[in-house]
Protein backbone atom coordinates (compact mmCIF):
# COMPACT_ATOMS: atom_id res chain seq x y z
CA MET A 1 0.13 -0.07 0.13
CA ASN A 2 1.59 3.26 -0.95
CA ALA A 3 1.52 6.27 1.31
CA THR A 4 -1.41 8.13 -0.57
CA ARG A 5 -3.42 5.21 -0.15
CA LEU A 6 -2.30 4.41 3.41
CA ARG A 7 -3.47 8.09 4.45
CA ARG A 8 -6.67 7.88 2.69
CA VAL A 9 -7.57 4.62 4.53
CA LEU A 10 -6.66 6.03 7.96
CA GLY A 11 -8.32 9.08 7.21
CA ALA A 12 -11.34 7.22 6.51
CA LEU A 13 -11.21 4.76 9.44
CA ALA A 14 -10.69 8.10 11.72
CA LEU A 15 -13.82 9.75 10.29
CA ALA A 16 -16.04 6.40 10.52
CA LEU A 17 -14.68 6.19 14.39
CA THR A 18 -15.98 9.44 14.88
CA PHE A 19 -19.23 9.08 13.20
CA ALA A 20 -19.81 5.77 15.10
CA CYS A 21 -19.01 7.49 18.46
CA ALA A 22 -21.50 10.54 18.13
CA GLY A 23 -14.64 6.84 -24.09
CA SER A 24 -13.33 10.35 -25.21
CA LEU A 25 -14.96 13.49 -23.87
CA ASP A 26 -13.91 15.44 -26.87
CA GLN A 27 -16.99 14.37 -28.86
CA ALA A 28 -20.18 15.84 -28.13
CA PRO A 29 -22.76 13.18 -27.35
CA GLU A 30 -26.14 12.50 -29.68
CA VAL A 31 -29.43 13.56 -27.72
CA THR A 32 -32.99 12.49 -28.48
CA THR A 33 -35.52 15.31 -27.72
CA THR A 34 -38.94 14.33 -26.69
CA THR A 35 -41.68 16.89 -27.19
CA ALA A 36 -45.55 16.66 -27.52
CA GLU A 37 -45.21 15.48 -31.12
CA GLY A 38 -42.94 12.51 -30.28
CA SER A 39 -38.94 11.97 -30.24
CA SER A 40 -36.14 12.42 -32.80
CA THR A 41 -32.35 12.03 -32.30
CA VAL A 42 -30.26 14.68 -33.66
CA ALA A 43 -26.53 15.42 -33.48
CA PRO A 44 -25.67 18.42 -31.32
CA SER A 45 -25.06 21.76 -32.77
CA PRO A 46 -21.16 22.54 -33.56
CA GLU A 47 -35.41 38.59 -5.66
CA THR A 48 -32.82 38.83 -2.88
CA THR A 49 -33.96 39.23 0.69
CA ALA A 50 -34.17 43.08 1.35
CA SER A 51 -31.69 42.84 4.24
CA TYR A 52 -29.11 40.80 2.24
CA ALA A 53 -26.28 42.98 0.35
CA PRO A 54 -24.65 40.79 -2.19
CA PRO A 55 -20.42 40.94 -2.13
CA GLU A 56 -19.03 42.57 -5.41
CA PRO A 57 -18.40 39.82 -8.44
CA ALA A 58 -15.14 38.40 -8.09
CA GLU A 59 -12.37 40.32 -10.03
CA THR A 60 -11.12 38.75 -13.20
CA THR A 61 -8.26 39.34 -15.26
CA THR A 62 -9.46 37.99 -18.49
CA THR A 63 -11.77 39.90 -21.02
CA GLN A 64 -14.78 38.11 -20.22
CA ALA A 65 -17.93 40.05 -20.00
CA PRO A 66 -19.30 40.60 -16.39
CA LEU A 67 -21.95 38.33 -15.42
CA ALA A 68 -25.39 40.25 -15.55
CA PRO A 69 -26.76 40.66 -11.69
CA PRO A 70 -29.58 38.21 -11.45
CA THR A 71 -33.02 38.49 -10.38
CA PHE A 72 -34.63 36.36 -7.60
CA GLU A 73 -38.39 36.89 -8.08
CA SER A 74 -39.02 33.34 -8.88
CA VAL A 75 -37.52 31.85 -5.84
CA SER A 76 -39.10 34.40 -3.47
CA GLY A 77 -40.39 32.46 -0.34
CA ILE A 78 -38.49 29.29 -1.31
CA HIS A 79 -35.67 28.93 1.09
CA THR A 80 -35.66 25.21 1.75
CA ILE A 81 -36.58 22.06 0.02
CA GLY A 82 -39.65 21.74 2.46
CA ASP A 83 -40.95 24.95 1.20
CA PHE A 84 -41.27 23.75 -2.37
CA SER A 85 -41.67 19.76 -2.37
CA GLY A 86 -41.20 16.70 -0.62
CA LEU A 87 -37.23 15.70 -0.20
CA THR A 88 -37.41 12.84 -2.82
CA SER A 89 -40.60 13.75 -4.78
CA GLN A 90 -40.23 13.64 -8.58
CA GLY A 91 -42.01 13.47 -11.73
CA LEU A 92 -41.93 15.34 -15.11
CA GLY A 93 -45.34 17.13 -14.76
CA GLU A 94 -44.31 19.47 -11.98
CA TRP A 95 -40.86 20.50 -13.95
CA GLN A 96 -43.17 21.42 -16.91
CA GLU A 97 -45.49 23.42 -15.13
CA SER A 98 -42.82 25.26 -13.42
CA VAL A 99 -40.50 25.80 -16.22
CA PRO A 100 -42.50 25.28 -19.51
CA ASP A 101 -39.71 25.70 -21.72
CA ILE A 102 -37.96 22.61 -20.17
CA GLN A 103 -37.16 19.61 -22.49
CA ASP A 104 -36.85 15.97 -21.45
CA VAL A 105 -33.79 14.76 -23.63
CA LEU A 106 -31.74 11.63 -23.91
CA ILE A 107 -28.03 11.82 -24.09
CA THR A 108 -25.79 8.98 -25.48
CA SER A 109 -22.85 8.00 -22.94
CA THR A 110 -19.36 8.02 -24.23
CA ALA A 111 -18.58 5.50 -21.80
CA ASP A 112 -20.92 2.90 -22.60
CA GLY A 113 -23.08 3.98 -25.44
CA SER A 114 -26.36 3.94 -23.42
CA ASP A 115 -28.97 6.66 -23.49
CA GLN A 116 -29.17 8.40 -20.38
CA PRO A 117 -32.02 10.86 -19.95
CA ALA A 118 -31.84 14.47 -18.62
CA LEU A 119 -33.63 17.92 -18.64
CA TRP A 120 -32.58 20.69 -20.75
CA LEU A 121 -33.49 24.32 -20.46
CA ALA A 122 -31.79 26.42 -23.48
CA PRO A 123 -30.28 29.66 -22.40
CA GLU A 124 -31.70 33.09 -23.42
CA GLY A 125 -30.08 36.51 -24.34
CA ASP A 126 -27.73 38.39 -26.45
CA GLN A 127 -24.58 37.03 -24.70
CA ALA A 128 -23.29 33.61 -23.72
CA GLN A 129 -25.11 32.44 -20.24
CA PRO A 130 -24.16 30.46 -17.41
CA LEU A 131 -24.89 27.00 -17.20
CA LEU A 132 -26.37 25.37 -14.02
CA VAL A 133 -26.23 21.75 -13.61
CA ILE A 134 -28.74 20.47 -11.18
CA LEU A 135 -27.65 17.06 -9.64
CA HIS A 136 -30.36 14.57 -8.04
CA SER A 137 -29.86 13.18 -4.69
CA SER A 138 -29.05 9.58 -3.70
CA SER A 139 -32.65 8.48 -3.44
CA ALA A 140 -34.20 10.00 -6.38
CA GLU A 141 -33.68 10.29 -10.10
CA TYR A 142 -33.29 13.34 -12.47
CA LEU A 143 -36.99 14.17 -12.34
CA GLN A 144 -36.51 15.32 -8.38
CA HIS A 145 -38.59 18.03 -7.71
CA ALA A 146 -36.19 19.46 -5.35
CA GLY A 147 -34.22 20.78 -8.25
CA ILE A 148 -36.88 22.90 -9.90
CA PRO A 149 -36.22 26.22 -7.95
CA TYR A 150 -32.96 26.21 -9.35
CA ALA A 151 -34.32 26.03 -12.89
CA MET A 152 -37.01 28.50 -12.21
CA PHE A 153 -34.39 30.94 -11.17
CA ALA A 154 -32.25 30.13 -14.45
CA ASP A 155 -35.31 30.53 -16.36
CA GLU A 156 -35.98 33.99 -15.04
CA ASN A 157 -32.33 34.93 -15.89
CA GLY A 158 -31.70 33.40 -19.23
CA TRP A 159 -29.34 30.77 -17.89
CA ALA A 160 -29.14 27.35 -19.23
CA VAL A 161 -30.01 24.24 -17.12
CA ILE A 162 -29.07 20.55 -17.70
CA ALA A 163 -30.22 18.13 -15.02
CA PRO A 164 -28.70 14.86 -15.98
CA GLN A 165 -29.71 11.23 -14.85
CA PHE A 166 -26.36 9.78 -13.42
CA ARG A 167 -27.56 6.16 -13.38
CA GLY A 168 -30.30 6.98 -11.05
CA VAL A 169 -30.75 5.82 -7.44
CA ASN A 170 -27.66 5.12 -5.68
CA ASP A 171 -28.31 1.44 -5.02
CA HIS A 172 -26.50 -0.18 -7.83
CA PRO A 173 -22.88 -0.53 -9.11
CA GLU A 174 -23.40 1.69 -12.07
CA ALA A 175 -24.41 4.62 -9.52
CA LEU A 176 -23.11 5.91 -6.48
CA GLY A 177 -20.23 7.91 -7.99
CA SER A 178 -19.05 5.31 -10.38
CA ASP A 179 -17.08 6.16 -13.38
CA LEU A 180 -20.17 5.78 -15.62
CA ALA A 181 -22.06 7.92 -13.08
CA VAL A 182 -19.42 10.51 -13.48
CA GLN A 183 -19.01 10.39 -17.06
CA ASP A 184 -22.89 11.04 -17.46
CA VAL A 185 -22.50 14.19 -15.95
CA VAL A 186 -19.65 15.40 -18.16
CA ASP A 187 -21.48 14.23 -21.26
CA ALA A 188 -24.49 16.35 -20.38
CA ILE A 189 -22.28 19.31 -19.67
CA ASP A 190 -20.41 18.82 -23.08
CA PHE A 191 -23.99 18.46 -24.69
CA ALA A 192 -25.38 21.87 -23.06
CA VAL A 193 -22.16 23.66 -24.38
CA ALA A 194 -22.27 22.18 -27.79
CA GLU A 195 -25.92 23.30 -28.13
CA GLY A 196 -24.82 26.81 -28.19
CA GLY A 197 -25.47 30.07 -26.24
CA VAL A 198 -23.59 28.56 -22.84
CA ASP A 199 -20.65 30.20 -21.14
CA ALA A 200 -18.19 27.40 -21.04
CA ASN A 201 -16.43 29.33 -18.51
CA ARG A 202 -19.31 29.65 -16.14
CA VAL A 203 -20.55 26.12 -15.51
CA TYR A 204 -22.09 26.07 -12.01
CA THR A 205 -23.04 22.60 -10.38
CA VAL A 206 -25.30 21.98 -7.42
CA GLY A 207 -26.44 19.04 -5.60
CA TYR A 208 -27.86 18.03 -2.32
CA SER A 209 -26.96 14.74 -0.58
CA GLY A 210 -25.71 12.31 -3.16
CA GLY A 211 -25.86 15.11 -5.58
CA GLY A 212 -23.64 17.18 -3.33
CA THR A 213 -21.23 14.01 -3.36
CA MET A 214 -21.38 14.26 -7.33
CA SER A 215 -20.80 17.75 -7.17
CA LEU A 216 -17.36 17.29 -5.39
CA LEU A 217 -16.38 14.37 -7.48
CA LEU A 218 -16.79 16.97 -10.41
CA ALA A 219 -14.65 19.24 -8.77
CA GLY A 220 -11.86 16.79 -8.04
CA ARG A 221 -12.14 14.54 -11.30
CA HIS A 222 -13.13 17.12 -13.80
CA PRO A 223 -11.84 20.48 -12.84
CA ASP A 224 -11.61 21.49 -16.33
CA LYS A 225 -15.37 21.08 -16.86
CA VAL A 226 -16.68 23.10 -13.74
CA THR A 227 -16.03 26.45 -12.84
CA ALA A 228 -17.53 26.21 -9.25
CA VAL A 229 -19.64 23.87 -7.48
CA ALA A 230 -22.05 23.65 -4.47
CA ALA A 231 -22.68 20.99 -2.41
CA TRP A 232 -25.38 20.47 0.53
CA GLY A 233 -24.96 17.83 2.96
CA PRO A 234 -22.70 15.85 0.85
CA PRO A 235 -21.46 12.34 1.67
CA TYR A 236 -17.70 12.97 1.52
CA ASP A 237 -16.20 9.50 2.71
CA LEU A 238 -18.47 6.57 1.67
CA ILE A 239 -16.74 4.19 4.23
CA ALA A 240 -17.40 6.55 7.02
CA PHE A 241 -21.09 7.00 5.80
CA TYR A 242 -21.48 3.07 5.45
CA VAL A 243 -20.62 2.73 9.16
CA GLN A 244 -22.77 5.33 10.24
CA SER A 245 -25.75 4.17 8.23
CA ALA A 246 -25.03 0.61 9.36
CA ASN A 247 -25.06 1.46 13.05
CA ALA A 248 -28.26 3.39 12.64
CA GLY A 249 -29.92 0.67 10.79
CA ARG A 250 -30.42 2.46 7.70
CA HIS A 251 -30.85 1.16 3.94
CA TYR A 252 -27.81 3.48 2.76
CA ALA A 253 -25.32 0.69 4.38
CA SER A 254 -26.82 -2.08 2.07
CA ASP A 255 -27.16 0.38 -0.86
CA ILE A 256 -23.16 1.07 -0.51
CA GLN A 257 -22.48 -2.57 0.07
CA THR A 258 -24.44 -3.42 -3.13
CA ALA A 259 -22.57 -0.78 -5.15
CA CYS A 260 -19.22 -1.27 -3.97
CA GLY A 261 -19.29 -5.28 -4.17
CA GLY A 262 -19.05 -5.89 -0.19
CA ASP A 263 -18.53 -4.58 3.29
CA PRO A 264 -15.98 -1.79 2.65
CA THR A 265 -14.88 -2.16 6.26
CA ALA A 266 -14.21 -5.98 5.88
CA ASP A 267 -13.57 -6.52 1.98
CA PRO A 268 -10.38 -4.79 0.77
CA GLU A 269 -11.69 -4.71 -2.80
CA ALA A 270 -14.95 -3.13 -1.60
CA GLU A 271 -12.92 -0.91 0.51
CA ALA A 272 -10.90 0.26 -2.56
CA ASP A 273 -14.12 0.71 -4.62
CA CYS A 274 -15.75 2.85 -2.08
CA LEU A 275 -12.61 5.03 -1.82
CA HIS A 276 -12.50 5.74 -5.66
CA ARG A 277 -16.18 6.54 -5.58
CA SER A 278 -15.42 9.02 -2.51
CA PRO A 279 -14.48 12.71 -2.89
CA LEU A 280 -11.98 12.40 -0.21
CA THR A 281 -9.97 10.56 -2.91
CA HIS A 282 -10.02 13.30 -5.64
CA LEU A 283 -10.14 16.84 -3.72
CA ASP A 284 -6.68 17.06 -3.70
CA VAL A 285 -6.86 17.90 -7.51
CA ALA A 286 -9.72 20.51 -6.86
CA ARG A 287 -7.50 22.05 -4.19
CA GLU A 288 -4.51 22.32 -6.65
CA GLU A 289 -6.84 23.82 -9.37
CA ALA A 290 -8.40 26.12 -7.08
CA VAL A 291 -12.05 25.06 -7.86
CA PRO A 292 -14.15 27.25 -6.07
CA VAL A 293 -16.51 25.07 -3.85
CA PHE A 294 -19.37 26.21 -1.33
CA ILE A 295 -20.27 23.56 1.18
CA GLY A 296 -23.45 23.93 3.27
CA HIS A 297 -24.43 21.45 6.01
CA GLY A 298 -26.91 21.31 8.65
CA LEU A 299 -25.27 21.18 12.00
CA HIS A 300 -27.94 18.81 13.28
CA ASP A 301 -27.99 16.34 10.41
CA SER A 302 -29.22 13.13 11.65
CA LEU A 303 -28.69 11.25 8.54
CA LEU A 304 -25.21 12.35 7.64
CA SER A 305 -22.70 13.77 10.28
CA PRO A 306 -21.83 17.48 9.46
CA SER A 307 -18.22 16.10 9.72
CA HIS A 308 -18.63 15.18 6.08
CA GLY A 309 -19.09 18.95 5.24
CA ALA A 310 -16.25 19.86 7.62
CA GLY A 311 -13.80 16.95 6.42
CA ALA A 312 -14.35 18.16 2.75
CA PHE A 313 -13.58 21.88 3.96
CA ASN A 314 -10.15 20.68 5.58
CA GLN A 315 -9.00 19.01 2.69
CA LEU A 316 -9.64 22.02 0.39
CA ALA A 317 -8.67 24.49 3.06
CA ASP A 318 -5.29 26.04 4.24
CA PRO A 319 -3.67 24.02 6.77
CA ALA A 320 -4.21 27.01 9.28
CA ASP A 321 -7.71 27.23 8.62
CA GLN A 322 -8.60 23.54 9.22
CA PHE A 323 -10.55 22.42 11.99
CA GLY A 324 -8.54 20.17 14.57
CA GLN A 325 -9.74 16.55 15.62
CA GLU A 326 -11.33 17.78 18.81
CA GLN A 327 -13.33 20.30 16.86
CA MET A 328 -14.14 17.50 14.50
CA ASP A 329 -15.32 15.40 17.04
CA LEU A 330 -17.53 17.94 18.48
CA ILE A 331 -19.07 18.91 14.96
CA ALA A 332 -19.56 15.11 14.38
CA GLN A 333 -21.93 15.37 17.51
CA GLY A 334 -23.81 18.51 16.34
CA ILE A 335 -22.13 20.76 18.61
CA LEU A 336 -20.32 23.85 17.67
CA PRO A 337 -16.60 24.26 19.27
CA ASP A 338 -16.65 27.02 21.57
CA ASP A 339 -12.91 27.72 20.96
CA LEU A 340 -13.54 29.05 17.70
CA PRO A 341 -12.82 32.72 18.04
CA GLU A 342 -15.18 33.97 15.15
CA PRO A 343 -17.56 31.34 14.01
CA ILE A 344 -18.97 33.61 11.27
CA SER A 345 -15.75 34.77 9.83
CA THR A 346 -16.93 35.38 6.15
CA GLU A 347 -19.71 36.21 4.00
CA SER A 348 -22.55 33.04 4.60
CA TYR A 349 -24.78 34.15 1.47
CA PHE A 350 -27.56 33.24 4.03
CA ALA A 351 -30.39 36.01 4.46
CA ASP A 352 -33.89 36.53 6.21
CA GLY A 353 -36.08 33.37 5.82
CA ASP A 354 -32.97 31.16 5.49
CA PRO A 355 -32.03 28.94 8.25
CA THR A 356 -29.71 30.48 11.00
CA PRO A 357 -25.89 30.00 9.86
CA VAL A 358 -23.92 29.32 13.04
CA LEU A 359 -20.69 28.89 11.52
CA ALA A 360 -19.21 30.52 8.18
CA ARG A 361 -15.47 30.00 7.24
CA GLN A 362 -13.70 30.62 3.84
CA SER A 363 -10.17 29.44 3.03
CA ALA A 364 -8.17 29.45 -0.23
CA ALA A 365 -11.04 28.60 -2.65
CA VAL A 366 -13.70 26.73 -0.27
CA TRP A 367 -16.53 28.09 1.82
CA LEU A 368 -18.14 26.23 4.54
CA VAL A 369 -21.49 27.20 6.10
CA LEU A 370 -22.99 25.17 8.94
CA PHE A 371 -26.58 26.26 9.76
CA ASP A 372 -29.40 25.28 12.34
CA ALA A 373 -31.11 22.58 10.32
CA ASP A 374 -31.20 18.78 9.70
CA HIS A 375 -30.29 17.11 6.31
CA GLU A 376 -31.27 20.08 4.15
CA MET A 377 -30.45 22.17 1.23
CA VAL A 378 -30.99 26.18 1.05
CA TYR A 379 -31.63 27.49 -2.29
CA GLN A 380 -30.92 31.27 -2.33
CA PRO A 381 -27.47 30.99 -0.81
CA THR A 382 -26.35 28.81 -3.51
CA LEU A 383 -27.65 31.46 -6.04
CA ARG A 384 -26.10 34.47 -4.32
CA TRP A 385 -22.76 32.91 -4.41
CA PHE A 386 -23.02 31.87 -7.88
CA ALA A 387 -24.09 35.55 -8.72
CA THR A 388 -20.74 36.82 -7.43
CA ASP A 389 -19.21 34.85 -10.59
CA PRO A 390 -16.99 32.63 -8.57
CA GLY A 391 -14.26 31.30 -10.51
């Protein structure tokens, strides 16, 4: 076992103990568009809260046109998933009612040639627009209603949207951060860019739970494809998540065991597979490439220890800004360490109506916000952060 792998395995086991105690990418894929008239396969063409004052967009040394200040009327009053839908509610009808121009398309995988569905909203405007990549959670598919408010915001502002299926629910080997699943999202991004009107330098991904895992995987495995990523309550270490889920008797343990081919705490091959599917194995690249990453995690998350969010932050942050082990142990128990000199030390992007942030920290290119909630996603902070033009 080489030193890098040993470090990762030991890190995973340490986190687990903490939780227990508390194809080529150059060719754009073909796409099948489903409309009221039928299906056809074609080749791709070559309100903020009053009390919130957004920071100025990040300075850039390129000649890229500045991002137009977005409006937020479509998501006014929608703060968390519960304000809009059930956590795993899904179906095409609600998408079409909320975003009438959304299209249900099929994108051919460059990895295995299979057709994978996605929702596509073409951009509008006189200049190239950002692409918002909406990633479904572990227990749902691409039609998950939790992603709709992001698409409503994009529709209001002329942004493009792609919401890909990446092998569906995370209960089989082809899903759960597999190479196939990651490639499905890359193919979807390539499709969207090839369609025209998309600013390839403003590709923003956002995901909740398992979608947050995928967002982090993209930052680490394909930093050239994404500009900035947001992850809400993301499983960062699948072995630690397996241990926590097994101890709690939740189905996620059997899902992980099925996907990885065995018990990752007892089977070396399953352990290696789980590590490959985990963001912790890949985020060093995201740090080296300075991919902007926003992580939000409920401090009282009963499904997934908030140490996952804090652990991802530690891997991406400068050493002087990382949490110590005692602090991590407290965070794993849903306790804010009392030795933090200034818990809210940077812009949180939360505002009136959002859950209360209890910690906001920024280091290098990563932001972490712990907030007073369970396993949850908060829409408007994500969008306010993207509106600063990170990256």
